[in-house]
Each structure stands twice: as structure tokens, then as C-alpha cells.
Amino acid sequence: KAAGSALMKNEKLVEDIIKSVVNAVNIPVTLKMRTGWNEENKNAPTIAKIAEDNGIKMLAIHGRTRAQKYNGDAEYDTVKKIKGIVSIPVVANGDITSAEKAKKVLDYTGADAVMLGRATQGNPWLVGQINNYITTGKTSKAPSLDKKISLILKHILQIHDFYGHKMGTQLSRKHIFWYSMHLDQEKGSDFWPNINRVSNHSEQYLKFHDFLYSI
């Protein structure tokens, strides 16, 4: 109760928690938050100052309110406002789905960096594309389909090896879903109900292998 973004309703409690955490550890502490509780209560700038004054070393701001959940579009005016009132690094987050969008958000807000989330699910190559565009101003192509498939299958094997066969199979499911939907949404939608029921790691890998090479 009153955890996560719900804490934004209680600025004093936020301050107390920040003080306790910062004083309890000897490593830098960062804070990620939304713009506020709802459209009428966007108090992220106030909390940003509280955070800076009490030892937070970096802020990440998601451009939606708690009430929005993941609906609607992220806004960056609040990120820009926060960047103008604090001296610690500020990271912009929310709806950053392309290299061009990342550059646009950085230019508009003056933020020190962008944070990616859902856009990288099944498409981790986006990180490199954004970095290349920001540093060189040039767009870069994603790897070829064959290269993607090779890396994807290696990733699944590494999950199986690291977590063990049972847990590895379970944890791989979300990645298989994301990769499948990224590469071919129509075929991925048809494939998912079948692969999601598989509980054996070898069968999971082989079925996913065959699916990828059928695209």
C-alpha cells in the first residue's frame, strides 16, 4: 500500500524514505518517478527538488501520471521543467520508440539521457541505433534477419543455462513472445498459444528455432 507512484501523494514520506536510503548506503542513489498522481497533481518538480536536496544523484522521469498507467501519450514538458530546476542528471523516459524520437526528446527537454523500456522488448537493437544516431547524426540499420535469429537463439540458450532448465524455460517465454511479435506480429500471434504451453527446455528451443526460420 502507498508504494511506487502512489508515494507521490505523500511528499513528506517520500522525503523520509529518500533520507533513510541515502544515509543507509555508501553508493549513489537514484530515483525514478512519474510526472505526478494525475493531470491536476503533477508534483514531480517538487519531488525532484526534495530528492536533490536529500542526496539523490540522478533522476529518471516517465512522462505520464500514475492515473494514466500506460494509456495516452507521454509528455516531456515536465521533464524539461525538472531539468531547469535541478543540477543533477535527468533522464527522460516514456514512448521513446526510435532513434529520431530519442534525439527529439533530448533536444526538447535538455535531458542528459533517455531511458528505454517497452520499445526494446523483442528489439534490443534499438539501443545501438539510438546511440549511433545521437553520437553521429546518422541512422543505422538493424542487423539482418539471419543475424537477429542467431543472437535470439543464443539468448534463449543462455537463459536456460543460467537459470536452469525449469526456471529458464519459464523466464524465456516472455522473451520468445516479444521476439516473435517483433519479427512477425501475425505469425507470432498464431505461434504464441502453442509455444506458451511447452514446459521442456529442449522442446521450447526447437519449436522456437523452427518458428524463427519459418519467417
C-alpha atoms as a PDB file:
ATOM      1  CA  LYS A   1       0.000   0.000   0.000  1.00  0.00           C
ATOM      2  CA  ALA A   2       1.205   3.535  -0.842  1.00  0.00           C
ATOM      3  CA  ALA A   3       4.177   2.093  -2.693  1.00  0.00           C
ATOM      4  CA  GLY A   4       5.602   3.045  -6.063  1.00  0.00           C
ATOM      5  CA  SER A   5       3.995   6.014  -7.780  1.00  0.00           C
ATOM      6  CA  ALA A   6       1.323   6.157  -5.054  1.00  0.00           C
ATOM      7  CA  LEU A   7       4.004   7.703  -2.845  1.00  0.00           C
ATOM      8  CA  MET A   8       3.737  10.891  -4.882  1.00  0.00           C
ATOM      9  CA  LYS A   9       0.634  11.722  -2.847  1.00  0.00           C
ATOM     10  CA  ASN A  10       2.775  11.989   0.277  1.00  0.00           C
ATOM     11  CA  GLU A  11       5.782  14.229  -0.302  1.00  0.00           C
ATOM     12  CA  LYS A  12       6.869  14.081   3.346  1.00  0.00           C
ATOM     13  CA  LEU A  13       7.001  10.291   3.248  1.00  0.00           C
ATOM     14  CA  VAL A  14       8.989  10.473   0.007  1.00  0.00           C
ATOM     15  CA  GLU A  15      11.487  12.746   1.733  1.00  0.00           C
ATOM     16  CA  ASP A  16      11.760  10.447   4.753  1.00  0.00           C
ATOM     17  CA  ILE A  17      12.351   7.382   2.565  1.00  0.00           C
ATOM     18  CA  ILE A  18      14.973   9.149   0.464  1.00  0.00           C
ATOM     19  CA  LYS A  19      16.841  10.308   3.567  1.00  0.00           C
ATOM     20  CA  SER A  20      16.779   6.822   5.072  1.00  0.00           C
ATOM     21  CA  VAL A  21      18.036   5.110   1.932  1.00  0.00           C
ATOM     22  CA  VAL A  22      20.748   7.665   1.151  1.00  0.00           C
ATOM     23  CA  ASN A  23      22.033   7.516   4.734  1.00  0.00           C
ATOM     24  CA  ALA A  24      21.961   3.718   4.819  1.00  0.00           C
ATOM     25  CA  VAL A  25      24.229   3.043   1.835  1.00  0.00           C
ATOM     26  CA  ASN A  26      27.577   4.231   0.527  1.00  0.00           C
ATOM     27  CA  ILE A  27      26.706   4.069  -3.163  1.00  0.00           C
ATOM     28  CA  PRO A  28      24.895   6.660  -5.318  1.00  0.00           C
ATOM     29  CA  VAL A  29      21.103   6.511  -5.032  1.00  0.00           C
ATOM     30  CA  THR A  30      18.873   7.384  -7.995  1.00  0.00           C
ATOM     31  CA  LEU A  31      15.140   7.978  -8.247  1.00  0.00           C
ATOM     32  CA  LYS A  32      12.649   7.169 -10.997  1.00  0.00           C
ATOM     33  CA  MET A  33       9.158   8.645 -10.913  1.00  0.00           C
ATOM     34  CA  ARG A  34       6.192   9.693 -12.986  1.00  0.00           C
ATOM     35  CA  THR A  35       5.099  13.280 -13.576  1.00  0.00           C
ATOM     36  CA  GLY A  36       2.573  13.146 -10.748  1.00  0.00           C
ATOM     37  CA  TRP A  37      -0.501  11.415  -9.405  1.00  0.00           C
ATOM     38  CA  ASN A  38      -2.900  12.718 -12.054  1.00  0.00           C
ATOM     39  CA  GLU A  39      -3.246  15.565 -14.549  1.00  0.00           C
ATOM     40  CA  GLU A  40      -4.258  18.007 -11.817  1.00  0.00           C
ATOM     41  CA  ASN A  41      -1.426  16.984  -9.494  1.00  0.00           C
ATOM     42  CA  LYS A  42       1.855  16.938 -11.387  1.00  0.00           C
ATOM     43  CA  ASN A  43       4.206  17.368  -8.459  1.00  0.00           C
ATOM     44  CA  ALA A  44       7.281  15.691  -9.934  1.00  0.00           C
ATOM     45  CA  PRO A  45       9.183  19.025  -9.972  1.00  0.00           C
ATOM     46  CA  THR A  46       8.592  19.424  -6.227  1.00  0.00           C
ATOM     47  CA  ILE A  47       9.723  15.877  -5.515  1.00  0.00           C
ATOM     48  CA  ALA A  48      12.720  16.373  -7.806  1.00  0.00           C
ATOM     49  CA  LYS A  49      13.930  19.240  -5.611  1.00  0.00           C
ATOM     50  CA  ILE A  50      13.278  17.204  -2.467  1.00  0.00           C
ATOM     51  CA  ALA A  51      15.300  14.378  -3.983  1.00  0.00           C
ATOM     52  CA  GLU A  52      18.225  16.585  -4.959  1.00  0.00           C
ATOM     53  CA  ASP A  53      18.281  18.319  -1.574  1.00  0.00           C
ATOM     54  CA  ASN A  54      18.451  14.964   0.194  1.00  0.00           C
ATOM     55  CA  GLY A  55      21.235  13.316  -1.753  1.00  0.00           C
ATOM     56  CA  ILE A  56      19.688  11.698  -4.824  1.00  0.00           C
ATOM     57  CA  LYS A  57      22.319  11.665  -7.580  1.00  0.00           C
ATOM     58  CA  MET A  58      20.176  11.175 -10.691  1.00  0.00           C
ATOM     59  CA  LEU A  59      16.509  11.392 -11.677  1.00  0.00           C
ATOM     60  CA  ALA A  60      14.575   9.445 -14.297  1.00  0.00           C
ATOM     61  CA  ILE A  61      11.178  10.845 -15.256  1.00  0.00           C
ATOM     62  CA  HIS A  62       8.470   8.873 -17.043  1.00  0.00           C
ATOM     63  CA  GLY A  63       6.261  11.305 -18.937  1.00  0.00           C
ATOM     64  CA  ARG A  64       2.904  10.025 -17.676  1.00  0.00           C
ATOM     65  CA  THR A  65       0.961  10.391 -14.451  1.00  0.00           C
ATOM     66  CA  ARG A  66       0.074   7.484 -12.185  1.00  0.00           C
ATOM     67  CA  ALA A  67      -3.556   7.756 -13.277  1.00  0.00           C
ATOM     68  CA  GLN A  68      -2.607   7.344 -16.943  1.00  0.00           C
ATOM     69  CA  LYS A  69      -0.897   3.999 -16.372  1.00  0.00           C
ATOM     70  CA  TYR A  70       0.395   3.323 -19.914  1.00  0.00           C
ATOM     71  CA  ASN A  71      -2.506   4.979 -21.702  1.00  0.00           C
ATOM     72  CA  GLY A  72      -2.263   8.108 -23.808  1.00  0.00           C
ATOM     73  CA  ASP A  73       0.989   9.724 -24.859  1.00  0.00           C
ATOM     74  CA  ALA A  74       3.953  10.583 -22.691  1.00  0.00           C
ATOM     75  CA  GLU A  75       4.627  14.303 -22.322  1.00  0.00           C
ATOM     76  CA  TYR A  76       8.025  15.896 -21.895  1.00  0.00           C
ATOM     77  CA  ASP A  77       7.185  19.386 -20.621  1.00  0.00           C
ATOM     78  CA  THR A  78       7.525  18.159 -17.041  1.00  0.00           C
ATOM     79  CA  VAL A  79      10.906  16.600 -17.818  1.00  0.00           C
ATOM     80  CA  LYS A  80      12.033  19.906 -19.311  1.00  0.00           C
ATOM     81  CA  LYS A  81      10.811  21.810 -16.247  1.00  0.00           C
ATOM     82  CA  ILE A  82      12.659  19.478 -13.877  1.00  0.00           C
ATOM     83  CA  LYS A  83      15.854  19.755 -15.904  1.00  0.00           C
ATOM     84  CA  GLY A  84      15.642  23.515 -15.453  1.00  0.00           C
ATOM     85  CA  ILE A  85      15.432  23.439 -11.654  1.00  0.00           C
ATOM     86  CA  VAL A  86      17.917  20.742 -10.595  1.00  0.00           C
ATOM     87  CA  SER A  87      21.646  20.349 -11.137  1.00  0.00           C
ATOM     88  CA  ILE A  88      21.787  16.539 -11.022  1.00  0.00           C
ATOM     89  CA  PRO A  89      21.428  14.464 -14.220  1.00  0.00           C
ATOM     90  CA  VAL A  90      17.889  13.993 -15.535  1.00  0.00           C
ATOM     91  CA  VAL A  91      16.842  11.060 -17.717  1.00  0.00           C
ATOM     92  CA  ALA A  92      13.747  11.236 -19.946  1.00  0.00           C
ATOM     93  CA  ASN A  93      11.564   8.138 -20.262  1.00  0.00           C
ATOM     94  CA  GLY A  94       8.326   7.192 -21.990  1.00  0.00           C
ATOM     95  CA  ASP A  95       7.327   6.440 -25.601  1.00  0.00           C
ATOM     96  CA  ILE A  96      10.885   6.619 -26.911  1.00  0.00           C
ATOM     97  CA  THR A  97      10.499   4.197 -29.782  1.00  0.00           C
ATOM     98  CA  SER A  98      13.055   5.282 -32.367  1.00  0.00           C
ATOM     99  CA  ALA A  99      16.418   6.963 -32.747  1.00  0.00           C
ATOM    100  CA  GLU A 100      14.769  10.061 -34.163  1.00  0.00           C
ATOM    101  CA  LYS A 101      12.325  10.261 -31.259  1.00  0.00           C
ATOM    102  CA  ALA A 102      15.162   9.904 -28.749  1.00  0.00           C
ATOM    103  CA  LYS A 103      17.072  12.801 -30.322  1.00  0.00           C
ATOM    104  CA  LYS A 104      13.932  14.934 -30.443  1.00  0.00           C
ATOM    105  CA  VAL A 105      13.211  14.328 -26.748  1.00  0.00           C
ATOM    106  CA  LEU A 106      16.795  15.095 -25.751  1.00  0.00           C
ATOM    107  CA  ASP A 107      16.809  18.314 -27.750  1.00  0.00           C
ATOM    108  CA  TYR A 108      13.447  19.460 -26.393  1.00  0.00           C
ATOM    109  CA  THR A 109      13.958  18.647 -22.725  1.00  0.00           C
ATOM    110  CA  GLY A 110      17.686  19.214 -22.366  1.00  0.00           C
ATOM    111  CA  ALA A 111      17.787  15.879 -20.532  1.00  0.00           C
ATOM    112  CA  ASP A 112      21.129  14.192 -20.026  1.00  0.00           C
ATOM    113  CA  ALA A 113      19.973  10.830 -21.360  1.00  0.00           C
ATOM    114  CA  VAL A 114      16.957   8.791 -22.364  1.00  0.00           C
ATOM    115  CA  MET A 115      15.718   5.591 -20.766  1.00  0.00           C
ATOM    116  CA  LEU A 116      14.147   2.897 -22.913  1.00  0.00           C
ATOM    117  CA  GLY A 117      11.504   0.433 -21.824  1.00  0.00           C
ATOM    118  CA  ARG A 118       8.840  -1.400 -23.779  1.00  0.00           C
ATOM    119  CA  ALA A 119      10.287  -0.395 -27.159  1.00  0.00           C
ATOM    120  CA  THR A 120      13.251  -2.704 -26.561  1.00  0.00           C
ATOM    121  CA  GLN A 121      11.121  -5.763 -25.830  1.00  0.00           C
ATOM    122  CA  GLY A 122      11.983  -8.055 -28.698  1.00  0.00           C
ATOM    123  CA  ASN A 123      14.051  -5.286 -30.268  1.00  0.00           C
ATOM    124  CA  PRO A 124      17.219  -4.763 -28.190  1.00  0.00           C
ATOM    125  CA  TRP A 125      18.985  -3.465 -31.305  1.00  0.00           C
ATOM    126  CA  LEU A 126      17.151  -0.179 -30.821  1.00  0.00           C
ATOM    127  CA  VAL A 127      19.659   0.781 -28.118  1.00  0.00           C
ATOM    128  CA  GLY A 128      22.564   0.711 -30.555  1.00  0.00           C
ATOM    129  CA  GLN A 129      20.587   2.518 -33.238  1.00  0.00           C
ATOM    130  CA  ILE A 130      19.753   5.342 -30.833  1.00  0.00           C
ATOM    131  CA  ASN A 131      23.315   5.614 -29.575  1.00  0.00           C
ATOM    132  CA  ASN A 132      24.659   5.769 -33.114  1.00  0.00           C
ATOM    133  CA  TYR A 133      22.160   8.427 -34.177  1.00  0.00           C
ATOM    134  CA  ILE A 134      22.823  10.608 -31.137  1.00  0.00           C
ATOM    135  CA  THR A 135      26.608  10.392 -31.430  1.00  0.00           C
ATOM    136  CA  THR A 136      26.990  10.578 -35.224  1.00  0.00           C
ATOM    137  CA  GLY A 137      23.724  12.023 -36.510  1.00  0.00           C
ATOM    138  CA  LYS A 138      23.421   9.089 -38.883  1.00  0.00           C
ATOM    139  CA  THR A 139      20.795   6.371 -38.921  1.00  0.00           C
ATOM    140  CA  SER A 140      21.933   2.767 -38.776  1.00  0.00           C
ATOM    141  CA  LYS A 141      20.191  -0.355 -39.945  1.00  0.00           C
ATOM    142  CA  ALA A 142      19.200  -3.159 -37.641  1.00  0.00           C
ATOM    143  CA  PRO A 143      21.048  -6.459 -38.104  1.00  0.00           C
ATOM    144  CA  SER A 144      19.890  -8.777 -40.867  1.00  0.00           C
ATOM    145  CA  LEU A 145      17.177 -11.303 -40.059  1.00  0.00           C
ATOM    146  CA  ASP A 146      19.728 -14.134 -40.004  1.00  0.00           C
ATOM    147  CA  LYS A 147      21.903 -12.216 -37.555  1.00  0.00           C
ATOM    148  CA  LYS A 148      18.911 -11.443 -35.358  1.00  0.00           C
ATOM    149  CA  ILE A 149      17.848 -15.087 -35.303  1.00  0.00           C
ATOM    150  CA  SER A 150      21.350 -16.213 -34.357  1.00  0.00           C
ATOM    151  CA  LEU A 151      21.502 -13.756 -31.456  1.00  0.00           C
ATOM    152  CA  ILE A 152      17.949 -14.532 -30.319  1.00  0.00           C
ATOM    153  CA  LEU A 153      18.590 -18.266 -30.135  1.00  0.00           C
ATOM    154  CA  LYS A 154      21.844 -17.665 -28.283  1.00  0.00           C
ATOM    155  CA  HIS A 155      19.939 -15.515 -25.797  1.00  0.00           C
ATOM    156  CA  ILE A 156      17.392 -18.271 -25.121  1.00  0.00           C
ATOM    157  CA  LEU A 157      20.146 -20.843 -24.593  1.00  0.00           C
ATOM    158  CA  GLN A 158      21.895 -18.512 -22.165  1.00  0.00           C
ATOM    159  CA  ILE A 159      18.678 -18.087 -20.166  1.00  0.00           C
ATOM    160  CA  HIS A 160      18.285 -21.875 -19.960  1.00  0.00           C
ATOM    161  CA  ASP A 161      21.907 -22.303 -18.884  1.00  0.00           C
ATOM    162  CA  PHE A 162      21.936 -19.502 -16.339  1.00  0.00           C
ATOM    163  CA  TYR A 163      18.606 -20.148 -14.600  1.00  0.00           C
ATOM    164  CA  GLY A 164      18.394 -23.901 -15.074  1.00  0.00           C
ATOM    165  CA  HIS A 165      16.037 -25.827 -17.304  1.00  0.00           C
ATOM    166  CA  LYS A 166      12.793 -25.374 -15.364  1.00  0.00           C
ATOM    167  CA  MET A 167      13.052 -21.704 -14.443  1.00  0.00           C
ATOM    168  CA  GLY A 168      14.895 -20.907 -17.657  1.00  0.00           C
ATOM    169  CA  THR A 169      12.007 -22.283 -19.702  1.00  0.00           C
ATOM    170  CA  GLN A 170       9.537 -20.191 -17.739  1.00  0.00           C
ATOM    171  CA  LEU A 171      11.584 -16.999 -17.977  1.00  0.00           C
ATOM    172  CA  SER A 172      12.214 -17.487 -21.691  1.00  0.00           C
ATOM    173  CA  ARG A 173       8.512 -17.328 -22.505  1.00  0.00           C
ATOM    174  CA  LYS A 174       8.215 -13.555 -22.297  1.00  0.00           C
ATOM    175  CA  HIS A 175      11.297 -13.099 -24.470  1.00  0.00           C
ATOM    176  CA  ILE A 176      10.006 -15.589 -27.019  1.00  0.00           C
ATOM    177  CA  PHE A 177       6.727 -13.672 -27.122  1.00  0.00           C
ATOM    178  CA  TRP A 178       8.464 -10.311 -27.574  1.00  0.00           C
ATOM    179  CA  TYR A 179      10.865 -11.568 -30.234  1.00  0.00           C
ATOM    180  CA  SER A 180       8.099 -13.339 -32.144  1.00  0.00           C
ATOM    181  CA  MET A 181       5.836 -10.303 -32.161  1.00  0.00           C
ATOM    182  CA  HIS A 182       8.669  -8.004 -33.182  1.00  0.00           C
ATOM    183  CA  LEU A 183       9.738 -10.144 -36.125  1.00  0.00           C
ATOM    184  CA  ASP A 184       6.281 -11.047 -37.447  1.00  0.00           C
ATOM    185  CA  GLN A 185       3.238  -9.986 -35.474  1.00  0.00           C
ATOM    186  CA  GLU A 186       0.739 -12.082 -37.426  1.00  0.00           C
ATOM    187  CA  LYS A 187       2.769 -15.289 -37.306  1.00  0.00           C
ATOM    188  CA  GLY A 188       3.848 -14.541 -33.752  1.00  0.00           C
ATOM    189  CA  SER A 189       0.233 -14.284 -32.616  1.00  0.00           C
ATOM    190  CA  ASP A 190      -0.525 -17.694 -34.108  1.00  0.00           C
ATOM    191  CA  PHE A 191       2.649 -19.246 -32.698  1.00  0.00           C
ATOM    192  CA  TRP A 192       2.335 -17.967 -29.130  1.00  0.00           C
ATOM    193  CA  PRO A 193      -0.513 -20.177 -27.791  1.00  0.00           C
ATOM    194  CA  ASN A 194       1.410 -23.270 -28.872  1.00  0.00           C
ATOM    195  CA  ILE A 195       4.851 -22.361 -27.526  1.00  0.00           C
ATOM    196  CA  ASN A 196       3.439 -20.948 -24.294  1.00  0.00           C
ATOM    197  CA  ARG A 197       2.263 -24.413 -23.231  1.00  0.00           C
ATOM    198  CA  VAL A 198       5.690 -26.028 -23.647  1.00  0.00           C
ATOM    199  CA  SER A 199       7.393 -26.889 -20.345  1.00  0.00           C
ATOM    200  CA  ASN A 200      10.501 -28.722 -21.588  1.00  0.00           C
ATOM    201  CA  HIS A 201      13.508 -26.530 -22.367  1.00  0.00           C
ATOM    202  CA  SER A 202      14.707 -28.570 -25.350  1.00  0.00           C
ATOM    203  CA  GLU A 203      11.264 -28.668 -26.920  1.00  0.00           C
ATOM    204  CA  GLN A 204      10.855 -24.952 -26.331  1.00  0.00           C
ATOM    205  CA  TYR A 205      14.150 -24.177 -28.027  1.00  0.00           C
ATOM    206  CA  LEU A 206      13.497 -26.442 -31.021  1.00  0.00           C
ATOM    207  CA  LYS A 207       9.981 -25.132 -31.608  1.00  0.00           C
ATOM    208  CA  PHE A 208      11.198 -21.548 -31.386  1.00  0.00           C
ATOM    209  CA  HIS A 209      14.115 -22.348 -33.689  1.00  0.00           C
ATOM    210  CA  ASP A 210      11.764 -23.770 -36.309  1.00  0.00           C
ATOM    211  CA  PHE A 211       9.410 -20.814 -35.980  1.00  0.00           C
ATOM    212  CA  LEU A 212      12.184 -18.266 -36.459  1.00  0.00           C
ATOM    213  CA  TYR A 213      13.456 -19.950 -39.594  1.00  0.00           C
ATOM    214  CA  SER A 214       9.922 -20.090 -40.985  1.00  0.00           C
ATOM    215  CA  ILE A 215       9.609 -16.304 -41.037  1.00  0.00           C
END
